[in-house]
Amino acid sequence: MKLKTLLFFLLSIGLVGTLYANEESTTKQGYENSVYKKILSELRLVKAKAGWTCEVRITQDREGNILESNISKCNTKDRRFVSQLQKAIDKSSPLPKVPESLFSGSLILNPTVKDDIDLVKSIRKRYEEGDPKAVEMVRLLRRMLRRRDYNENLIKELKQMYKKGNPVAIEVIENMKRMINEVENQ
């Protein structure tokens, strides 16, 4: 299972934290809420503390395409948080189309982590409480770890056989290298 699929699953069962916005006026609030929702839909936070925030400056065109974004004035030095926020902003383009009456070309947001986020603790707690989705997730993770361990052991054995000159191991490894090169060159 790919990490993106895993994170989407966690988001869908409520294990990934949320942000909230501070808005001023009703019209502006409605637009900013739609922008926050769009950014939040792309945000993948595994761990964060309540209150973490940054100032986000976005330059956009009339269609909502992000031309430039800048994150500053963060109250945390956690690089993963800032990096994930930037990725979410980048993936959110185009933003919802800005109402003509509000268009200025720039937008300043202050997304803030609403609650502490600790994915591992959250999954563990829900698992212990018997939450069926968390139980399913833990089972899936355990299967993935067993497969990874099995694959790592298999690769170690294959490398040892290769070093000893085993013709089958040599052929397998050469075929793997060729397939990797073909994929990389596509």
N, C-alpha and C. Protein backbone atom coordinates (compact mmCIF):
# COMPACT_ATOMS: atom_id res chain seq x y z
N MET A 1 0.85 -1.18 0.00
CA MET A 1 0.00 0.00 0.00
C MET A 1 0.89 1.23 0.00
N LYS A 2 0.60 2.17 -0.86
CA LYS A 2 1.41 3.36 -0.97
C LYS A 2 1.12 4.29 0.20
N LEU A 3 2.11 5.12 0.56
CA LEU A 3 1.98 6.04 1.68
C LEU A 3 0.82 7.00 1.47
N LYS A 4 0.63 7.50 0.24
CA LYS A 4 -0.45 8.44 -0.03
C LYS A 4 -1.80 7.78 0.24
N THR A 5 -1.96 6.52 -0.18
CA THR A 5 -3.20 5.80 0.06
C THR A 5 -3.41 5.60 1.55
N LEU A 6 -2.34 5.26 2.26
CA LEU A 6 -2.40 5.07 3.69
C LEU A 6 -2.82 6.36 4.38
N LEU A 7 -2.22 7.49 4.01
CA LEU A 7 -2.57 8.75 4.63
C LEU A 7 -4.00 9.15 4.31
N PHE A 8 -4.47 8.88 3.07
CA PHE A 8 -5.86 9.18 2.73
C PHE A 8 -6.79 8.36 3.59
N PHE A 9 -6.44 7.07 3.82
CA PHE A 9 -7.25 6.21 4.67
C PHE A 9 -7.31 6.79 6.08
N LEU A 10 -6.17 7.21 6.60
CA LEU A 10 -6.12 7.77 7.95
C LEU A 10 -6.93 9.05 8.03
N LEU A 11 -6.86 9.88 6.99
CA LEU A 11 -7.65 11.11 6.95
C LEU A 11 -9.13 10.78 6.95
N SER A 12 -9.52 9.75 6.19
CA SER A 12 -10.93 9.41 6.06
C SER A 12 -11.51 8.87 7.35
N ILE A 13 -10.68 8.24 8.20
CA ILE A 13 -11.22 7.73 9.46
C ILE A 13 -10.96 8.70 10.62
N GLY A 14 -10.48 9.89 10.29
CA GLY A 14 -10.35 10.92 11.30
C GLY A 14 -9.10 10.84 12.14
N LEU A 15 -8.05 10.16 11.67
CA LEU A 15 -6.84 10.05 12.47
C LEU A 15 -5.81 11.11 12.15
N VAL A 16 -6.04 11.90 11.13
CA VAL A 16 -5.12 12.98 10.80
C VAL A 16 -5.76 14.27 11.27
N GLY A 17 -4.96 15.13 11.92
CA GLY A 17 -5.49 16.31 12.57
C GLY A 17 -6.01 17.38 11.64
N THR A 18 -6.60 18.39 12.23
CA THR A 18 -7.23 19.44 11.45
C THR A 18 -6.65 20.81 11.77
N LEU A 19 -6.97 21.75 10.92
CA LEU A 19 -6.59 23.14 11.09
C LEU A 19 -7.84 23.98 11.22
N TYR A 20 -7.70 25.17 11.76
CA TYR A 20 -8.81 26.09 11.76
C TYR A 20 -8.29 27.45 11.36
N ALA A 21 -9.20 28.32 10.98
CA ALA A 21 -8.81 29.64 10.48
C ALA A 21 -9.43 30.73 11.32
N ASN A 22 -8.75 31.85 11.38
CA ASN A 22 -9.31 33.05 12.00
C ASN A 22 -9.66 34.02 10.88
N GLU A 23 -10.94 34.30 10.70
CA GLU A 23 -11.37 35.18 9.62
C GLU A 23 -12.02 36.43 10.20
N GLU A 24 -12.19 37.44 9.35
CA GLU A 24 -12.71 38.71 9.82
C GLU A 24 -14.14 38.96 9.38
N SER A 25 -14.40 39.02 8.08
CA SER A 25 -15.74 39.36 7.63
C SER A 25 -16.42 38.16 6.98
N THR A 26 -17.73 38.20 6.90
CA THR A 26 -18.50 37.07 6.41
C THR A 26 -18.14 36.70 4.98
N THR A 27 -18.08 37.64 4.06
CA THR A 27 -17.75 37.34 2.67
C THR A 27 -16.32 36.83 2.58
N LYS A 28 -15.41 37.52 3.22
CA LYS A 28 -14.02 37.09 3.24
C LYS A 28 -13.91 35.74 3.95
N GLN A 29 -14.67 35.59 5.01
CA GLN A 29 -14.65 34.34 5.78
C GLN A 29 -15.07 33.16 4.90
N GLY A 30 -16.10 33.32 4.13
CA GLY A 30 -16.56 32.24 3.27
C GLY A 30 -15.50 31.83 2.27
N TYR A 31 -14.86 32.81 1.64
CA TYR A 31 -13.80 32.50 0.67
C TYR A 31 -12.61 31.85 1.37
N GLU A 32 -12.17 32.42 2.48
CA GLU A 32 -11.02 31.85 3.20
C GLU A 32 -11.33 30.43 3.67
N ASN A 33 -12.56 30.20 4.12
CA ASN A 33 -12.92 28.84 4.53
C ASN A 33 -12.78 27.86 3.38
N SER A 34 -13.20 28.27 2.18
CA SER A 34 -13.09 27.37 1.03
C SER A 34 -11.61 27.13 0.68
N VAL A 35 -10.76 28.15 0.85
CA VAL A 35 -9.32 27.99 0.61
C VAL A 35 -8.72 27.05 1.65
N TYR A 36 -9.09 27.26 2.93
CA TYR A 36 -8.58 26.38 3.99
C TYR A 36 -8.99 24.94 3.73
N LYS A 37 -10.24 24.72 3.32
CA LYS A 37 -10.70 23.36 3.04
C LYS A 37 -9.89 22.73 1.92
N LYS A 38 -9.59 23.50 0.90
CA LYS A 38 -8.82 22.98 -0.23
C LYS A 38 -7.40 22.60 0.22
N ILE A 39 -6.77 23.48 1.00
CA ILE A 39 -5.41 23.20 1.50
C ILE A 39 -5.44 22.01 2.45
N LEU A 40 -6.43 21.98 3.35
CA LEU A 40 -6.54 20.89 4.31
C LEU A 40 -6.72 19.56 3.61
N SER A 41 -7.42 19.54 2.48
CA SER A 41 -7.63 18.28 1.77
C SER A 41 -6.31 17.69 1.26
N GLU A 42 -5.29 18.51 1.14
CA GLU A 42 -3.97 18.04 0.68
C GLU A 42 -2.96 17.90 1.80
N LEU A 43 -3.31 18.33 3.01
CA LEU A 43 -2.36 18.35 4.12
C LEU A 43 -2.24 16.97 4.76
N ARG A 44 -1.02 16.53 4.97
CA ARG A 44 -0.75 15.23 5.57
C ARG A 44 0.18 15.41 6.77
N LEU A 45 -0.43 15.59 7.93
CA LEU A 45 0.34 15.76 9.16
C LEU A 45 0.31 14.47 9.97
N VAL A 46 1.47 13.99 10.35
CA VAL A 46 1.55 12.79 11.17
C VAL A 46 1.71 13.18 12.64
N LYS A 47 2.41 14.29 12.87
CA LYS A 47 2.62 14.75 14.25
C LYS A 47 2.70 16.26 14.26
N ALA A 48 1.96 16.89 15.17
CA ALA A 48 2.00 18.35 15.32
C ALA A 48 1.39 18.70 16.67
N LYS A 49 1.68 19.89 17.13
CA LYS A 49 1.17 20.36 18.41
C LYS A 49 0.08 21.41 18.20
N ALA A 50 -0.90 21.40 19.07
CA ALA A 50 -1.97 22.40 19.00
C ALA A 50 -1.35 23.79 19.09
N GLY A 51 -1.82 24.67 18.23
CA GLY A 51 -1.32 26.04 18.23
C GLY A 51 -0.22 26.33 17.23
N TRP A 52 0.39 25.29 16.65
CA TRP A 52 1.41 25.55 15.64
C TRP A 52 0.76 26.32 14.50
N THR A 53 1.42 27.36 14.07
CA THR A 53 0.88 28.20 13.00
C THR A 53 2.00 28.84 12.21
N CYS A 54 1.67 29.27 11.02
CA CYS A 54 2.58 30.01 10.16
C CYS A 54 1.75 31.04 9.40
N GLU A 55 2.42 32.06 8.93
CA GLU A 55 1.77 33.01 8.03
C GLU A 55 2.03 32.52 6.61
N VAL A 56 0.97 32.42 5.84
CA VAL A 56 1.07 31.94 4.46
C VAL A 56 0.62 33.07 3.55
N ARG A 57 1.51 33.49 2.66
CA ARG A 57 1.19 34.52 1.67
C ARG A 57 1.09 33.84 0.31
N ILE A 58 -0.05 34.05 -0.32
CA ILE A 58 -0.29 33.43 -1.62
C ILE A 58 -0.59 34.51 -2.64
N THR A 59 0.09 34.43 -3.77
CA THR A 59 -0.23 35.29 -4.91
C THR A 59 -0.94 34.39 -5.92
N GLN A 60 -2.11 34.84 -6.36
CA GLN A 60 -2.92 34.02 -7.27
C GLN A 60 -3.49 34.87 -8.40
N ASP A 61 -3.87 34.19 -9.47
CA ASP A 61 -4.54 34.90 -10.55
C ASP A 61 -6.06 34.82 -10.32
N ARG A 62 -6.83 35.40 -11.21
CA ARG A 62 -8.28 35.46 -11.05
C ARG A 62 -8.95 34.08 -11.07
N GLU A 63 -8.28 33.12 -11.67
CA GLU A 63 -8.83 31.76 -11.74
C GLU A 63 -8.47 30.92 -10.52
N GLY A 64 -7.67 31.48 -9.60
CA GLY A 64 -7.28 30.76 -8.40
C GLY A 64 -5.96 30.02 -8.53
N ASN A 65 -5.29 30.13 -9.68
CA ASN A 65 -3.99 29.47 -9.84
C ASN A 65 -2.96 30.15 -8.94
N ILE A 66 -2.25 29.36 -8.19
CA ILE A 66 -1.23 29.92 -7.29
C ILE A 66 0.00 30.24 -8.12
N LEU A 67 0.36 31.51 -8.11
CA LEU A 67 1.53 31.97 -8.84
C LEU A 67 2.78 31.92 -7.96
N GLU A 68 2.56 32.17 -6.68
CA GLU A 68 3.67 32.18 -5.73
C GLU A 68 3.10 31.98 -4.33
N SER A 69 3.88 31.31 -3.48
CA SER A 69 3.48 31.19 -2.07
C SER A 69 4.71 31.30 -1.20
N ASN A 70 4.50 31.80 -0.01
CA ASN A 70 5.60 32.00 0.92
C ASN A 70 5.09 31.70 2.33
N ILE A 71 5.84 30.90 3.06
CA ILE A 71 5.51 30.58 4.45
C ILE A 71 6.53 31.26 5.34
N SER A 72 6.04 32.00 6.34
CA SER A 72 6.94 32.70 7.26
C SER A 72 6.28 32.81 8.62
N LYS A 73 7.01 33.40 9.55
CA LYS A 73 6.51 33.68 10.90
C LYS A 73 5.89 32.46 11.56
N CYS A 74 6.56 31.32 11.45
CA CYS A 74 6.08 30.09 12.08
C CYS A 74 6.45 30.10 13.56
N ASN A 75 5.58 29.58 14.38
CA ASN A 75 5.91 29.51 15.81
C ASN A 75 6.47 28.15 16.19
N THR A 76 6.89 27.38 15.18
CA THR A 76 7.56 26.10 15.41
C THR A 76 8.75 26.01 14.47
N LYS A 77 9.74 25.28 14.92
CA LYS A 77 10.92 25.05 14.07
C LYS A 77 10.85 23.66 13.42
N ASP A 78 9.71 22.99 13.58
CA ASP A 78 9.54 21.65 13.01
C ASP A 78 9.49 21.75 11.49
N ARG A 79 10.55 21.28 10.85
CA ARG A 79 10.66 21.39 9.38
C ARG A 79 9.63 20.53 8.66
N ARG A 80 9.25 19.40 9.27
CA ARG A 80 8.26 18.54 8.63
C ARG A 80 6.91 19.25 8.52
N PHE A 81 6.54 19.99 9.56
CA PHE A 81 5.27 20.72 9.55
C PHE A 81 5.27 21.75 8.42
N VAL A 82 6.33 22.55 8.37
CA VAL A 82 6.43 23.60 7.35
C VAL A 82 6.47 22.97 5.95
N SER A 83 7.22 21.90 5.80
CA SER A 83 7.34 21.22 4.52
C SER A 83 5.99 20.65 4.07
N GLN A 84 5.27 20.01 4.97
CA GLN A 84 3.96 19.45 4.62
C GLN A 84 2.96 20.55 4.29
N LEU A 85 3.04 21.67 5.00
CA LEU A 85 2.17 22.80 4.70
C LEU A 85 2.45 23.34 3.31
N GLN A 86 3.73 23.46 2.95
CA GLN A 86 4.09 23.95 1.62
C GLN A 86 3.61 22.99 0.54
N LYS A 87 3.78 21.70 0.76
CA LYS A 87 3.31 20.71 -0.21
C LYS A 87 1.80 20.80 -0.39
N ALA A 88 1.09 20.97 0.71
CA ALA A 88 -0.38 21.07 0.63
C ALA A 88 -0.79 22.30 -0.16
N ILE A 89 -0.09 23.40 0.05
CA ILE A 89 -0.40 24.64 -0.69
C ILE A 89 -0.13 24.42 -2.17
N ASP A 90 1.02 23.85 -2.50
CA ASP A 90 1.37 23.61 -3.90
C ASP A 90 0.34 22.72 -4.60
N LYS A 91 -0.09 21.66 -3.91
CA LYS A 91 -1.04 20.73 -4.50
C LYS A 91 -2.45 21.32 -4.59
N SER A 92 -2.71 22.39 -3.85
CA SER A 92 -4.05 22.98 -3.80
C SER A 92 -4.37 23.86 -5.00
N SER A 93 -3.39 24.15 -5.81
CA SER A 93 -3.62 25.01 -6.97
C SER A 93 -4.32 24.21 -8.07
N PRO A 94 -5.37 24.74 -8.65
CA PRO A 94 -5.94 26.06 -8.40
C PRO A 94 -6.84 26.08 -7.16
N LEU A 95 -6.81 27.20 -6.48
CA LEU A 95 -7.69 27.43 -5.35
C LEU A 95 -9.09 27.73 -5.88
N PRO A 96 -10.08 27.71 -5.00
CA PRO A 96 -11.40 28.12 -5.47
C PRO A 96 -11.32 29.51 -6.09
N LYS A 97 -12.09 29.72 -7.12
CA LYS A 97 -12.07 31.02 -7.81
C LYS A 97 -12.50 32.11 -6.83
N VAL A 98 -11.70 33.16 -6.77
CA VAL A 98 -11.96 34.25 -5.83
C VAL A 98 -13.12 35.11 -6.35
N PRO A 99 -14.06 35.48 -5.47
CA PRO A 99 -15.13 36.38 -5.89
C PRO A 99 -14.54 37.70 -6.41
N GLU A 100 -15.11 38.21 -7.47
CA GLU A 100 -14.60 39.44 -8.11
C GLU A 100 -14.45 40.57 -7.10
N SER A 101 -15.41 40.69 -6.18
CA SER A 101 -15.37 41.79 -5.20
C SER A 101 -14.23 41.67 -4.21
N LEU A 102 -13.67 40.46 -4.07
CA LEU A 102 -12.58 40.24 -3.10
C LEU A 102 -11.21 40.15 -3.76
N PHE A 103 -11.16 40.07 -5.08
CA PHE A 103 -9.88 39.82 -5.74
C PHE A 103 -8.90 40.95 -5.54
N SER A 104 -7.72 40.57 -5.02
CA SER A 104 -6.64 41.54 -4.89
C SER A 104 -5.33 40.93 -5.42
N GLY A 105 -5.38 39.65 -5.75
CA GLY A 105 -4.18 38.98 -6.25
C GLY A 105 -3.36 38.35 -5.15
N SER A 106 -3.59 38.77 -3.91
CA SER A 106 -2.83 38.16 -2.82
C SER A 106 -3.76 37.79 -1.67
N LEU A 107 -3.31 36.83 -0.92
CA LEU A 107 -4.09 36.30 0.19
C LEU A 107 -3.13 35.97 1.31
N ILE A 108 -3.48 36.37 2.51
CA ILE A 108 -2.66 36.04 3.68
C ILE A 108 -3.51 35.18 4.61
N LEU A 109 -2.98 34.00 4.92
CA LEU A 109 -3.67 33.05 5.79
C LEU A 109 -2.79 32.71 6.98
N ASN A 110 -3.41 32.30 8.05
CA ASN A 110 -2.68 31.84 9.23
C ASN A 110 -3.24 30.50 9.69
N PRO A 111 -2.97 29.43 8.92
CA PRO A 111 -3.47 28.12 9.34
C PRO A 111 -2.85 27.72 10.68
N THR A 112 -3.69 27.19 11.55
CA THR A 112 -3.26 26.83 12.90
C THR A 112 -3.71 25.42 13.21
N VAL A 113 -2.83 24.63 13.81
CA VAL A 113 -3.20 23.28 14.22
C VAL A 113 -4.17 23.40 15.39
N LYS A 114 -5.33 22.79 15.24
CA LYS A 114 -6.39 22.90 16.24
C LYS A 114 -6.11 22.03 17.47
N ASP A 115 -5.74 20.78 17.23
CA ASP A 115 -5.50 19.83 18.33
C ASP A 115 -4.16 19.15 18.12
N ASP A 116 -3.56 18.66 19.21
CA ASP A 116 -2.34 17.89 19.08
C ASP A 116 -2.59 16.72 18.13
N ILE A 117 -1.61 16.46 17.30
CA ILE A 117 -1.70 15.35 16.35
C ILE A 117 -0.53 14.42 16.63
N ASP A 118 -0.85 13.19 16.95
CA ASP A 118 0.16 12.15 17.06
C ASP A 118 -0.49 10.89 16.53
N LEU A 119 -0.21 10.62 15.29
CA LEU A 119 -0.86 9.53 14.58
C LEU A 119 -0.67 8.19 15.26
N VAL A 120 0.54 7.91 15.71
CA VAL A 120 0.83 6.62 16.33
C VAL A 120 0.02 6.44 17.61
N LYS A 121 0.01 7.46 18.48
CA LYS A 121 -0.75 7.38 19.72
C LYS A 121 -2.25 7.26 19.43
N SER A 122 -2.70 8.01 18.45
CA SER A 122 -4.11 7.99 18.10
C SER A 122 -4.54 6.61 17.62
N ILE A 123 -3.75 6.00 16.74
CA ILE A 123 -4.07 4.65 16.25
C ILE A 123 -4.04 3.66 17.40
N ARG A 124 -3.00 3.75 18.24
CA ARG A 124 -2.87 2.83 19.37
C ARG A 124 -4.09 2.92 20.30
N LYS A 125 -4.50 4.14 20.62
CA LYS A 125 -5.64 4.34 21.52
C LYS A 125 -6.92 3.77 20.91
N ARG A 126 -7.16 4.09 19.64
CA ARG A 126 -8.37 3.58 18.99
C ARG A 126 -8.34 2.06 18.85
N TYR A 127 -7.16 1.52 18.62
CA TYR A 127 -7.00 0.07 18.53
C TYR A 127 -7.36 -0.58 19.86
N GLU A 128 -6.84 -0.01 20.94
CA GLU A 128 -7.10 -0.55 22.28
C GLU A 128 -8.57 -0.43 22.64
N GLU A 129 -9.24 0.60 22.10
CA GLU A 129 -10.68 0.77 22.35
C GLU A 129 -11.53 -0.13 21.45
N GLY A 130 -10.89 -0.82 20.51
CA GLY A 130 -11.59 -1.74 19.64
C GLY A 130 -12.22 -1.11 18.41
N ASP A 131 -11.81 0.11 18.06
CA ASP A 131 -12.33 0.77 16.86
C ASP A 131 -12.03 -0.12 15.65
N PRO A 132 -13.07 -0.56 14.92
CA PRO A 132 -12.85 -1.50 13.82
C PRO A 132 -11.90 -0.97 12.74
N LYS A 133 -11.96 0.31 12.44
CA LYS A 133 -11.07 0.88 11.41
C LYS A 133 -9.62 0.90 11.89
N ALA A 134 -9.43 1.19 13.17
CA ALA A 134 -8.07 1.18 13.72
C ALA A 134 -7.54 -0.24 13.79
N VAL A 135 -8.39 -1.20 14.15
CA VAL A 135 -7.98 -2.60 14.19
C VAL A 135 -7.56 -3.04 12.79
N GLU A 136 -8.35 -2.66 11.79
CA GLU A 136 -8.02 -2.98 10.39
C GLU A 136 -6.68 -2.37 10.00
N MET A 137 -6.44 -1.12 10.40
CA MET A 137 -5.20 -0.43 10.08
C MET A 137 -4.00 -1.13 10.73
N VAL A 138 -4.11 -1.52 11.99
CA VAL A 138 -3.01 -2.19 12.68
C VAL A 138 -2.71 -3.52 12.01
N ARG A 139 -3.75 -4.26 11.65
CA ARG A 139 -3.54 -5.53 10.94
C ARG A 139 -2.81 -5.31 9.63
N LEU A 140 -3.23 -4.29 8.89
CA LEU A 140 -2.59 -3.97 7.62
C LEU A 140 -1.12 -3.61 7.83
N LEU A 141 -0.84 -2.77 8.81
CA LEU A 141 0.55 -2.38 9.09
C LEU A 141 1.40 -3.59 9.48
N ARG A 142 0.84 -4.49 10.28
CA ARG A 142 1.58 -5.69 10.67
C ARG A 142 1.91 -6.55 9.46
N ARG A 143 0.93 -6.71 8.55
CA ARG A 143 1.19 -7.48 7.32
C ARG A 143 2.28 -6.82 6.49
N MET A 144 2.21 -5.49 6.39
CA MET A 144 3.23 -4.77 5.62
C MET A 144 4.61 -4.98 6.21
N LEU A 145 4.72 -4.92 7.54
CA LEU A 145 6.01 -5.11 8.20
C LEU A 145 6.54 -6.53 8.00
N ARG A 146 5.65 -7.52 8.09
CA ARG A 146 6.08 -8.91 7.87
C ARG A 146 6.60 -9.08 6.44
N ARG A 147 5.88 -8.51 5.48
CA ARG A 147 6.31 -8.60 4.08
C ARG A 147 7.64 -7.90 3.88
N ARG A 148 7.78 -6.73 4.50
CA ARG A 148 9.04 -6.00 4.36
C ARG A 148 10.19 -6.81 4.93
N ASP A 149 10.01 -7.39 6.12
CA ASP A 149 11.06 -8.21 6.73
C ASP A 149 11.38 -9.41 5.85
N TYR A 150 10.35 -10.06 5.31
CA TYR A 150 10.55 -11.20 4.43
C TYR A 150 11.34 -10.78 3.19
N ASN A 151 10.94 -9.66 2.58
CA ASN A 151 11.62 -9.18 1.38
C ASN A 151 13.06 -8.80 1.66
N GLU A 152 13.32 -8.18 2.82
CA GLU A 152 14.69 -7.81 3.17
C GLU A 152 15.55 -9.07 3.33
N ASN A 153 15.01 -10.09 3.99
CA ASN A 153 15.77 -11.34 4.16
C ASN A 153 16.01 -12.02 2.81
N LEU A 154 15.01 -12.00 1.96
CA LEU A 154 15.14 -12.60 0.64
C LEU A 154 16.23 -11.89 -0.18
N ILE A 155 16.26 -10.57 -0.10
CA ILE A 155 17.27 -9.79 -0.83
C ILE A 155 18.67 -10.08 -0.28
N LYS A 156 18.80 -10.20 1.04
CA LYS A 156 20.11 -10.52 1.64
C LYS A 156 20.61 -11.87 1.13
N GLU A 157 19.72 -12.85 1.14
CA GLU A 157 20.11 -14.18 0.67
C GLU A 157 20.49 -14.15 -0.81
N LEU A 158 19.72 -13.41 -1.60
CA LEU A 158 20.00 -13.31 -3.03
C LEU A 158 21.37 -12.66 -3.26
N LYS A 159 21.69 -11.62 -2.50
CA LYS A 159 22.99 -10.95 -2.62
C LYS A 159 24.13 -11.91 -2.27
N GLN A 160 23.94 -12.69 -1.21
CA GLN A 160 24.98 -13.66 -0.83
C GLN A 160 25.19 -14.69 -1.93
N MET A 161 24.09 -15.17 -2.50
CA MET A 161 24.19 -16.13 -3.59
C MET A 161 24.88 -15.50 -4.81
N TYR A 162 24.60 -14.25 -5.07
CA TYR A 162 25.20 -13.51 -6.18
C TYR A 162 26.71 -13.41 -6.00
N LYS A 163 27.12 -13.06 -4.77
CA LYS A 163 28.54 -12.93 -4.46
C LYS A 163 29.28 -14.26 -4.60
N LYS A 164 28.58 -15.36 -4.34
CA LYS A 164 29.18 -16.69 -4.45
C LYS A 164 29.18 -17.19 -5.90
N GLY A 165 28.58 -16.40 -6.81
CA GLY A 165 28.60 -16.77 -8.22
C GLY A 165 27.48 -17.68 -8.66
N ASN A 166 26.42 -17.78 -7.87
CA ASN A 166 25.28 -18.62 -8.24
C ASN A 166 24.66 -18.06 -9.53
N PRO A 167 24.61 -18.87 -10.61
CA PRO A 167 24.12 -18.37 -11.90
C PRO A 167 22.66 -17.92 -11.87
N VAL A 168 21.82 -18.58 -11.10
CA VAL A 168 20.41 -18.16 -11.01
C VAL A 168 20.31 -16.80 -10.33
N ALA A 169 21.05 -16.61 -9.25
CA ALA A 169 21.05 -15.33 -8.54
C ALA A 169 21.58 -14.23 -9.44
N ILE A 170 22.62 -14.53 -10.19
CA ILE A 170 23.19 -13.54 -11.12
C ILE A 170 22.14 -13.12 -12.15
N GLU A 171 21.45 -14.11 -12.72
CA GLU A 171 20.43 -13.82 -13.72
C GLU A 171 19.30 -12.98 -13.13
N VAL A 172 18.83 -13.33 -11.93
CA VAL A 172 17.75 -12.59 -11.28
C VAL A 172 18.16 -11.14 -11.03
N ILE A 173 19.33 -10.95 -10.48
CA ILE A 173 19.79 -9.59 -10.18
C ILE A 173 20.00 -8.77 -11.45
N GLU A 174 20.58 -9.38 -12.48
CA GLU A 174 20.77 -8.66 -13.75
C GLU A 174 19.41 -8.27 -14.36
N ASN A 175 18.43 -9.16 -14.28
CA ASN A 175 17.09 -8.84 -14.78
C ASN A 175 16.45 -7.71 -13.98
N MET A 176 16.65 -7.72 -12.67
CA MET A 176 16.11 -6.64 -11.82
C MET A 176 16.75 -5.31 -12.19
N LYS A 177 18.06 -5.31 -12.38
CA LYS A 177 18.76 -4.08 -12.77
C LYS A 177 18.23 -3.55 -14.10
N ARG A 178 18.04 -4.48 -15.06
CA ARG A 178 17.54 -4.08 -16.37
C ARG A 178 16.14 -3.48 -16.26
N MET A 179 15.26 -4.11 -15.46
CA MET A 179 13.90 -3.59 -15.29
C MET A 179 13.90 -2.23 -14.60
N ILE A 180 14.77 -2.05 -13.62
CA ILE A 180 14.87 -0.76 -12.93
C ILE A 180 15.31 0.32 -13.91
N ASN A 181 16.30 0.02 -14.73
CA ASN A 181 16.77 0.97 -15.74
C ASN A 181 15.68 1.33 -16.74
N GLU A 182 14.90 0.33 -17.14
CA GLU A 182 13.81 0.60 -18.09
C GLU A 182 12.76 1.52 -17.47
N VAL A 183 12.42 1.29 -16.22
CA VAL A 183 11.43 2.12 -15.53
C VAL A 183 11.96 3.55 -15.37
N GLU A 184 13.23 3.67 -14.97
CA GLU A 184 13.81 5.00 -14.78
C GLU A 184 13.93 5.78 -16.07
N ASN A 185 14.10 5.09 -17.19
CA ASN A 185 14.25 5.76 -18.48
C ASN A 185 12.93 6.05 -19.17
N GLN A 186 11.83 5.68 -18.60
CA GLN A 186 10.52 5.96 -19.23
C GLN A 186 10.08 7.36 -19.00
